[in-house]
Protein backbone atom coordinates (compact mmCIF):
# COMPACT_ATOMS: atom_id res chain seq x y z
CA UNK A 1 -12.09 -1.99 -20.06
CA UNK A 2 -13.08 -1.85 -23.40
CA UNK A 3 -16.30 -3.41 -23.75
CA UNK A 4 -18.78 -1.19 -25.85
CA UNK A 5 -21.73 0.12 -24.17
CA UNK A 6 -24.83 1.49 -25.42
CA UNK A 7 -24.10 5.19 -24.81
CA UNK A 8 -26.44 8.29 -24.75
CA UNK A 9 -26.53 11.29 -27.66
CA UNK A 10 -23.30 13.47 -27.64
CA UNK A 11 -24.59 17.06 -28.25
CA UNK A 12 -21.97 19.76 -29.39
CA UNK A 13 -23.43 23.14 -30.71
CA UNK A 14 -22.21 26.96 -30.13
CA UNK A 15 -22.17 27.80 -26.46
CA UNK A 16 -22.99 30.76 -24.91
CA UNK A 17 -20.47 33.67 -25.39
CA UNK A 18 -17.68 32.88 -22.84
CA UNK A 19 -14.01 33.52 -22.70
CA UNK A 20 -11.04 31.14 -23.91
CA UNK A 21 -9.58 29.50 -20.39
CA UNK A 22 -6.04 30.21 -19.83
CA UNK A 23 -4.64 26.74 -17.78
CA UNK A 24 -2.74 27.71 -15.29
CA UNK A 25 -0.63 25.57 -12.91
CA UNK A 26 -3.08 23.73 -10.52
CA UNK A 27 -3.31 23.85 -6.84
CA UNK A 28 -3.21 20.01 -6.14
CA UNK A 29 -5.20 19.66 -2.95
CA UNK A 30 -3.39 19.89 0.38
CA UNK A 31 -4.03 16.25 1.44
CA UNK A 32 -4.22 14.12 -1.98
CA UNK A 33 -7.35 12.48 -2.75
CA UNK A 34 -8.78 8.79 -4.00
CA UNK A 35 -11.57 8.08 -6.60
CA UNK A 36 -12.12 5.57 -9.35
CA UNK A 37 -11.52 5.42 -13.12
CA UNK A 38 -14.70 4.48 -15.06
CA UNK A 39 -14.54 3.86 -18.99
CA UNK A 40 -16.95 3.60 -21.83
CA UNK A 41 -16.74 2.48 -25.42
CA UNK A 42 -14.99 4.95 -27.76
CA UNK A 43 -16.78 8.06 -28.54
CA UNK A 44 -15.28 10.11 -31.81
CA UNK A 45 -14.19 13.44 -30.80
CA UNK A 46 -15.60 16.75 -32.48
CA UNK A 47 -13.02 18.51 -34.89
CA UNK A 48 -11.76 20.95 -33.42
CA UNK A 49 -12.56 24.66 -33.83
CA UNK A 50 -12.13 28.38 -32.65
CA UNK A 51 -15.25 28.92 -31.64
CA UNK A 52 -16.60 27.30 -28.18
CA UNK A 53 -17.96 24.32 -28.19
CA UNK A 54 -20.77 22.77 -25.30
CA UNK A 55 -19.80 18.87 -25.05
CA UNK A 56 -22.23 16.82 -23.31
CA UNK A 57 -21.60 13.44 -22.10
CA UNK A 58 -24.40 12.65 -19.63
CA UNK A 59 -25.32 10.24 -21.46
CA UNK A 60 -22.53 7.93 -21.11
CA UNK A 61 -22.61 5.14 -18.69
CA UNK A 62 -19.25 3.77 -17.74
CA UNK A 63 -18.13 0.65 -15.76
CA UNK A 64 -15.42 1.14 -13.03
CA UNK A 65 -11.93 -0.30 -13.92
CA UNK A 66 -9.29 1.08 -11.72
CA UNK A 67 -8.98 2.95 -8.24
CA UNK A 68 -7.02 6.07 -8.19
CA UNK A 69 -5.24 8.04 -5.98
CA UNK A 70 -2.93 11.74 -5.90
CA UNK A 71 -0.95 12.02 -3.15
CA UNK A 72 2.50 14.04 -2.05
CA UNK A 73 5.42 12.25 -3.79
CA UNK A 74 7.13 11.83 -0.84
CA UNK A 75 4.65 9.34 0.81
CA UNK A 76 5.74 6.68 -1.70
CA UNK A 77 8.20 4.24 -1.62
CA UNK A 78 9.46 4.90 -4.73
CA UNK A 79 10.29 8.55 -3.71
CA UNK A 80 14.24 8.40 -3.74
CA UNK A 81 13.95 8.01 -7.46
CA UNK A 82 11.93 11.01 -8.33
CA UNK A 83 13.69 13.84 -6.01
CA UNK A 84 12.15 16.04 -8.54
CA UNK A 85 8.26 14.99 -8.16
CA UNK A 86 5.52 17.03 -6.45
CA UNK A 87 2.94 14.17 -6.91
CA UNK A 88 2.32 10.93 -7.30
CA UNK A 89 -0.63 9.23 -9.53
CA UNK A 90 -1.74 6.08 -8.83
CA UNK A 91 -3.63 4.22 -10.89
CA UNK A 92 -4.26 0.67 -9.86
CA UNK A 93 -0.72 -0.53 -9.72
CA UNK A 94 0.60 1.79 -11.66
CA UNK A 95 2.42 4.82 -10.78
CA UNK A 96 3.06 8.16 -12.27
CA UNK A 97 5.65 11.03 -10.88
CA UNK A 98 4.39 14.12 -11.70
CA UNK A 99 5.57 18.04 -11.09
CA UNK A 100 3.66 21.27 -11.95
CA UNK A 101 6.34 23.77 -10.63
CA UNK A 102 8.47 23.72 -13.53
CA UNK A 103 8.48 23.40 -17.39
CA UNK A 104 4.74 22.49 -17.59
CA UNK A 105 2.89 19.31 -16.69
CA UNK A 106 6.01 17.04 -15.89
CA UNK A 107 6.30 13.26 -16.15
CA UNK A 108 9.78 12.08 -14.34
CA UNK A 109 9.05 8.42 -14.70
CA UNK A 110 6.94 5.52 -13.68
CA UNK A 111 6.63 2.43 -11.25
CA UNK A 112 4.74 -0.48 -10.58
CA UNK A 113 3.60 -1.22 -6.90
CA UNK A 114 3.16 -4.63 -7.71
CA UNK A 115 6.53 -5.81 -9.18
CA UNK A 116 9.05 -3.43 -7.97
CA UNK A 117 10.18 -1.80 -11.26
CA UNK A 118 10.77 2.29 -11.16
CA UNK A 119 11.84 3.85 -14.77
CA UNK A 120 13.16 7.16 -14.40
CA UNK A 121 13.07 9.29 -17.31
CA UNK A 122 16.47 10.87 -17.99
CA UNK A 123 15.11 13.24 -20.08
CA UNK A 124 11.63 14.05 -18.16
CA UNK A 125 8.34 14.01 -20.35
CA UNK A 126 6.89 17.75 -20.72
CA UNK A 127 3.44 17.25 -21.90
CA UNK A 128 2.20 20.52 -22.45
CA UNK A 129 3.90 23.92 -20.51
CA UNK A 130 2.26 25.89 -18.41
CA UNK A 131 0.38 28.24 -18.63
CA UNK A 132 -1.41 27.77 -22.16
CA UNK A 133 -4.72 28.49 -23.76
CA UNK A 134 -6.29 27.48 -27.23
CA UNK A 135 -3.98 27.12 -30.14
CA UNK A 136 -0.90 26.47 -28.29
CA UNK A 137 1.58 23.84 -29.95
CA UNK A 138 3.86 21.86 -27.79
CA UNK A 139 6.62 19.10 -28.84
CA UNK A 140 8.69 17.18 -26.24
CA UNK A 141 10.98 14.18 -26.35
CA UNK A 142 11.68 11.69 -23.52
CA UNK A 143 13.52 8.62 -22.73
CA UNK A 144 15.15 6.30 -20.45
CA UNK A 145 17.98 3.86 -20.56
CA UNK A 146 18.95 1.52 -17.32
CA UNK A 147 19.14 -1.89 -16.57
CA UNK A 148 16.33 -3.86 -15.23
CA UNK A 149 16.64 -7.59 -13.84
CA UNK A 150 19.80 -7.86 -15.38
CA UNK A 151 18.84 -7.18 -18.57
CA UNK A 152 19.24 -3.83 -20.72
CA UNK A 153 16.01 -1.63 -21.09
CA UNK A 154 15.29 1.65 -23.18
CA UNK A 155 13.14 3.89 -24.31
CA UNK A 156 13.11 6.61 -26.46
CA UNK A 157 9.70 8.55 -27.13
CA UNK A 158 8.32 12.02 -28.27
CA UNK A 159 5.04 13.86 -27.98
CA UNK A 160 3.13 16.87 -29.26
CA UNK A 161 0.29 18.49 -27.63
CA UNK A 162 -2.12 21.47 -28.98
CA UNK A 163 -4.96 23.28 -27.67
CA UNK A 164 -7.58 22.62 -30.40
CA UNK A 165 -10.95 23.44 -29.00
CA UNK A 166 -12.34 25.15 -25.96
CA UNK A 167 -15.98 25.42 -24.20
CA UNK A 168 -18.22 23.73 -21.78
CA UNK A 169 -18.49 20.32 -20.81
CA UNK A 170 -21.13 18.15 -19.00
CA UNK A 171 -19.43 14.92 -17.61
CA UNK A 172 -20.94 11.61 -17.14
CA UNK A 173 -22.28 12.14 -13.49
CA UNK A 174 -23.89 15.32 -14.57
CA UNK A 175 -21.21 17.97 -13.36
CA UNK A 176 -21.07 20.99 -15.67
CA UNK A 177 -17.72 23.06 -15.85
CA UNK A 178 -18.20 25.86 -18.01
CA UNK A 179 -14.68 26.27 -18.84
CA UNK A 180 -12.13 23.64 -20.22
CA UNK A 181 -9.74 23.87 -22.89
CA UNK A 182 -9.49 20.69 -25.06
CA UNK A 183 -5.82 19.16 -25.47
CA UNK A 184 -5.07 16.92 -28.32
CA UNK A 185 -2.17 14.82 -27.50
CA UNK A 186 -0.31 12.38 -29.11
CA UNK A 187 2.24 10.07 -27.51
CA UNK A 188 4.96 7.48 -29.21
CA UNK A 189 7.83 5.38 -28.22
CA UNK A 190 9.83 2.25 -29.05
CA UNK A 191 10.54 0.28 -26.22
CA UNK A 192 13.38 -2.62 -26.19
CA UNK A 193 13.77 -4.77 -23.37
CA UNK A 194 16.08 -8.21 -23.83
CA UNK A 195 16.02 -8.40 -27.33
CA UNK A 196 12.08 -7.38 -27.65
CA UNK A 197 11.21 -4.15 -29.28
CA UNK A 198 7.77 -2.68 -28.95
CA UNK A 199 6.13 0.73 -30.84
CA UNK A 200 3.79 1.99 -28.61
CA UNK A 201 1.32 5.06 -29.95
CA UNK A 202 -1.16 6.90 -27.79
CA UNK A 203 -3.50 9.52 -28.98
CA UNK A 204 -5.65 11.27 -26.11
CA UNK A 205 -8.13 14.09 -26.32
CA UNK A 206 -8.08 15.24 -23.28
CA UNK A 207 -10.82 18.39 -21.39
CA UNK A 208 -8.59 20.28 -18.94
CA UNK A 209 -10.43 22.67 -16.65
CA UNK A 210 -8.77 25.99 -14.83
CA UNK A 211 -6.93 24.72 -11.72
CA UNK A 212 -7.99 20.99 -11.85
CA UNK A 213 -4.89 18.43 -11.33
CA UNK A 214 -6.04 16.24 -13.95
CA UNK A 215 -7.79 16.09 -17.11
CA UNK A 216 -11.41 15.51 -16.22
CA UNK A 217 -12.28 13.33 -19.83
CA UNK A 218 -10.72 11.66 -22.27
CA UNK A 219 -10.86 10.04 -25.64
CA UNK A 220 -8.25 7.53 -26.16
CA UNK A 221 -6.94 5.14 -28.69
CA UNK A 222 -3.63 3.21 -27.97
CA UNK A 223 -2.24 0.79 -30.71
CA UNK A 224 1.18 -1.81 -30.09
CA UNK A 225 3.35 -3.23 -32.75
CA UNK A 226 6.33 -5.14 -32.87
CA UNK A 227 9.47 -4.37 -34.77
CA UNK A 228 8.30 -5.82 -38.11
CA UNK A 229 5.41 -3.59 -37.36
CA UNK A 230 2.50 -6.23 -36.84
CA UNK A 231 -0.14 -4.93 -34.64
CA UNK A 232 0.30 -6.62 -31.20
CA UNK A 233 -2.68 -4.33 -29.66
CA UNK A 234 -5.43 -1.73 -30.22
CA UNK A 235 -7.41 -0.66 -27.84
CA UNK A 236 -9.90 2.41 -27.68
CA UNK A 237 -11.93 3.85 -24.60
CA UNK A 238 -13.45 7.14 -23.18
CA UNK A 239 -12.39 7.62 -19.90
CA UNK A 240 -12.74 9.67 -16.83
CA UNK A 241 -12.34 10.05 -12.81
CA UNK A 242 -15.14 9.42 -10.63
CA UNK A 243 -16.44 9.53 -6.79
CA UNK A 244 -12.91 12.00 -6.10
CA UNK A 245 -13.15 12.20 -2.33
CA UNK A 246 -10.64 14.09 -0.09
CA UNK A 247 -7.86 11.36 0.81
CA UNK A 248 -7.53 12.45 4.13
CA UNK A 249 -8.14 15.33 7.14
CA UNK A 250 -5.02 16.82 9.00
CA UNK A 251 -6.47 15.17 11.85
CA UNK A 252 -5.91 11.68 10.64
CA UNK A 253 -2.20 12.74 9.84
CA UNK A 254 -1.55 13.90 13.17
CA UNK A 255 -2.79 10.90 14.75
CA UNK A 256 -0.68 8.52 12.59
CA UNK A 257 3.40 8.01 13.31
CA UNK A 258 5.80 4.97 13.49
CA UNK A 259 8.92 4.78 15.20
CA UNK A 260 11.73 4.44 15.41
CA UNK A 261 12.22 4.68 11.64
CA UNK A 262 14.75 3.60 10.55
CA UNK A 263 14.08 0.21 12.49
CA UNK A 264 16.58 -2.54 12.89
CA UNK A 265 15.74 -6.27 11.30
CA UNK A 266 13.85 -8.14 14.28
CA UNK A 267 13.31 -5.09 16.36
CA UNK A 268 9.68 -3.70 17.56
CA UNK A 269 7.92 -1.10 15.53
CA UNK A 270 5.63 1.29 17.35
CA UNK A 271 2.49 2.45 15.55
CA UNK A 272 -0.07 4.93 16.23
CA UNK A 273 -3.06 5.51 14.32
CA UNK A 274 -4.54 1.99 13.49
CA UNK A 275 -8.37 2.96 14.74
CA UNK A 276 -9.50 1.26 12.24
CA UNK A 277 -6.97 -1.25 11.03
CA UNK A 278 -4.03 -0.84 8.90
CA UNK A 279 -1.32 -2.42 6.87
CA UNK A 280 2.24 -2.78 6.47
CA UNK A 281 3.60 -3.80 2.17
CA UNK A 282 6.83 -3.98 1.07
CA UNK A 283 8.30 -2.64 -2.02
CA UNK A 284 6.50 -5.25 -4.05
CA UNK A 285 3.16 -4.44 -2.87
CA UNK A 286 3.31 -7.54 -0.95
CA UNK A 287 1.70 -7.11 2.35
CA UNK A 288 3.81 -8.32 5.71
CA UNK A 289 1.58 -7.38 8.28
CA UNK A 290 -2.37 -6.14 8.41
CA UNK A 291 -4.63 -5.30 11.45
CA UNK A 292 -7.89 -5.89 10.23
CA UNK A 293 -10.34 -4.45 12.83
CA UNK A 294 -8.39 -1.57 14.01
CA UNK A 295 -6.55 -0.93 17.42
CA UNK A 296 -5.70 1.98 20.08
CA UNK A 297 -3.03 3.60 20.62
CA UNK A 298 0.46 1.82 21.18
CA UNK A 299 0.85 -0.76 19.05
CA UNK A 300 3.39 -3.02 18.71
CA UNK A 301 4.78 -5.10 15.73
CA UNK A 302 7.98 -7.17 15.10
CA UNK A 303 9.95 -6.94 12.38
CA UNK A 304 11.41 -10.07 12.54
CA UNK A 305 11.81 -12.32 9.14
CA UNK A 306 11.26 -8.92 7.58
CA UNK A 307 14.15 -8.12 5.03
CA UNK A 308 16.21 -5.03 4.88
CA UNK A 309 14.72 -2.03 2.77
CA UNK A 310 12.08 0.57 2.47
CA UNK A 311 8.24 -0.52 3.48
CA UNK A 312 4.87 1.52 3.72
CA UNK A 313 2.59 1.68 6.87
CA UNK A 314 -0.63 2.37 5.65
CA UNK A 315 -3.84 3.24 8.38
CA UNK A 316 -7.33 2.25 6.89
CA UNK A 317 -8.97 5.49 7.71
CA UNK A 318 -7.28 7.37 5.39
CA UNK A 319 -4.00 9.19 6.65
CA UNK A 320 -1.05 9.38 4.43
CA UNK A 321 0.75 6.31 4.32
CA UNK A 322 4.20 6.24 6.13
CA UNK A 323 7.08 5.30 4.71
CA UNK A 324 9.28 2.76 7.18
CA UNK A 325 13.16 1.92 6.75
CA UNK A 326 14.31 -1.56 7.85
CA UNK A 327 17.91 -1.59 8.28
């Protein structure tokens, strides 16, 4: 992800006359969307200023480092852990539960679909308030204190964010966005688990467009140290989202169903919507059933040997996953 690449020129100059953007609460796509995360070698961000700037990243060539998805939080197996979440952002196995309707861009917690770990913030993380515009300044604290695999786990951190520049941007795929606000974001936290302690410092300079659910481009610097101050990791890059498409259509949603739900362990589960194949995963991301080539309606699947708990039925044609409970 952090491999250096030959980059094109980054040009910055005074932009044409334009108004400073005001970033309101975004309107997420009704059905969610999917895409890819791309990254390239680090580019030093320009200095902040009150004058409009033009950022051109069209010469930046990146590599795909992960898939991403943005879906209604209610579709996630972890939804009960985050009752106030509106959306869940998935980047690979990492899940972030978000809300835009309250204090601002708020992170309610994180989870990992591969190992089943859910970290619910006792004090949610407000990355920045809404609405915001150039010159805003914001600080917030966040924390986690819970048991994790029978060991005490704690996380205590804080963030600062400021609107330090504004203007227009050309993305690596050639897309031009006429108005963006640049947010200078710094996040620090101390993480302790089973006697070990690490300190994480993440500095991001990100470009936010009006009505965009996620920032459109990032400069990132991450440093991790141990309790003695020894550096464990340093990583830098620039990153962005690409090949983003709507996650599904209304017809696909209406065509996918699973019943009875909850279903008794050992009973048959009835599935519709597997016209292009489907799979069912447990909370740890393990596939317990798959249909690679598709099927008509009225499919029956035995839950014999499945453990009690939540599962996720995911049709391959792009419909919303359906949460299933095995009793």
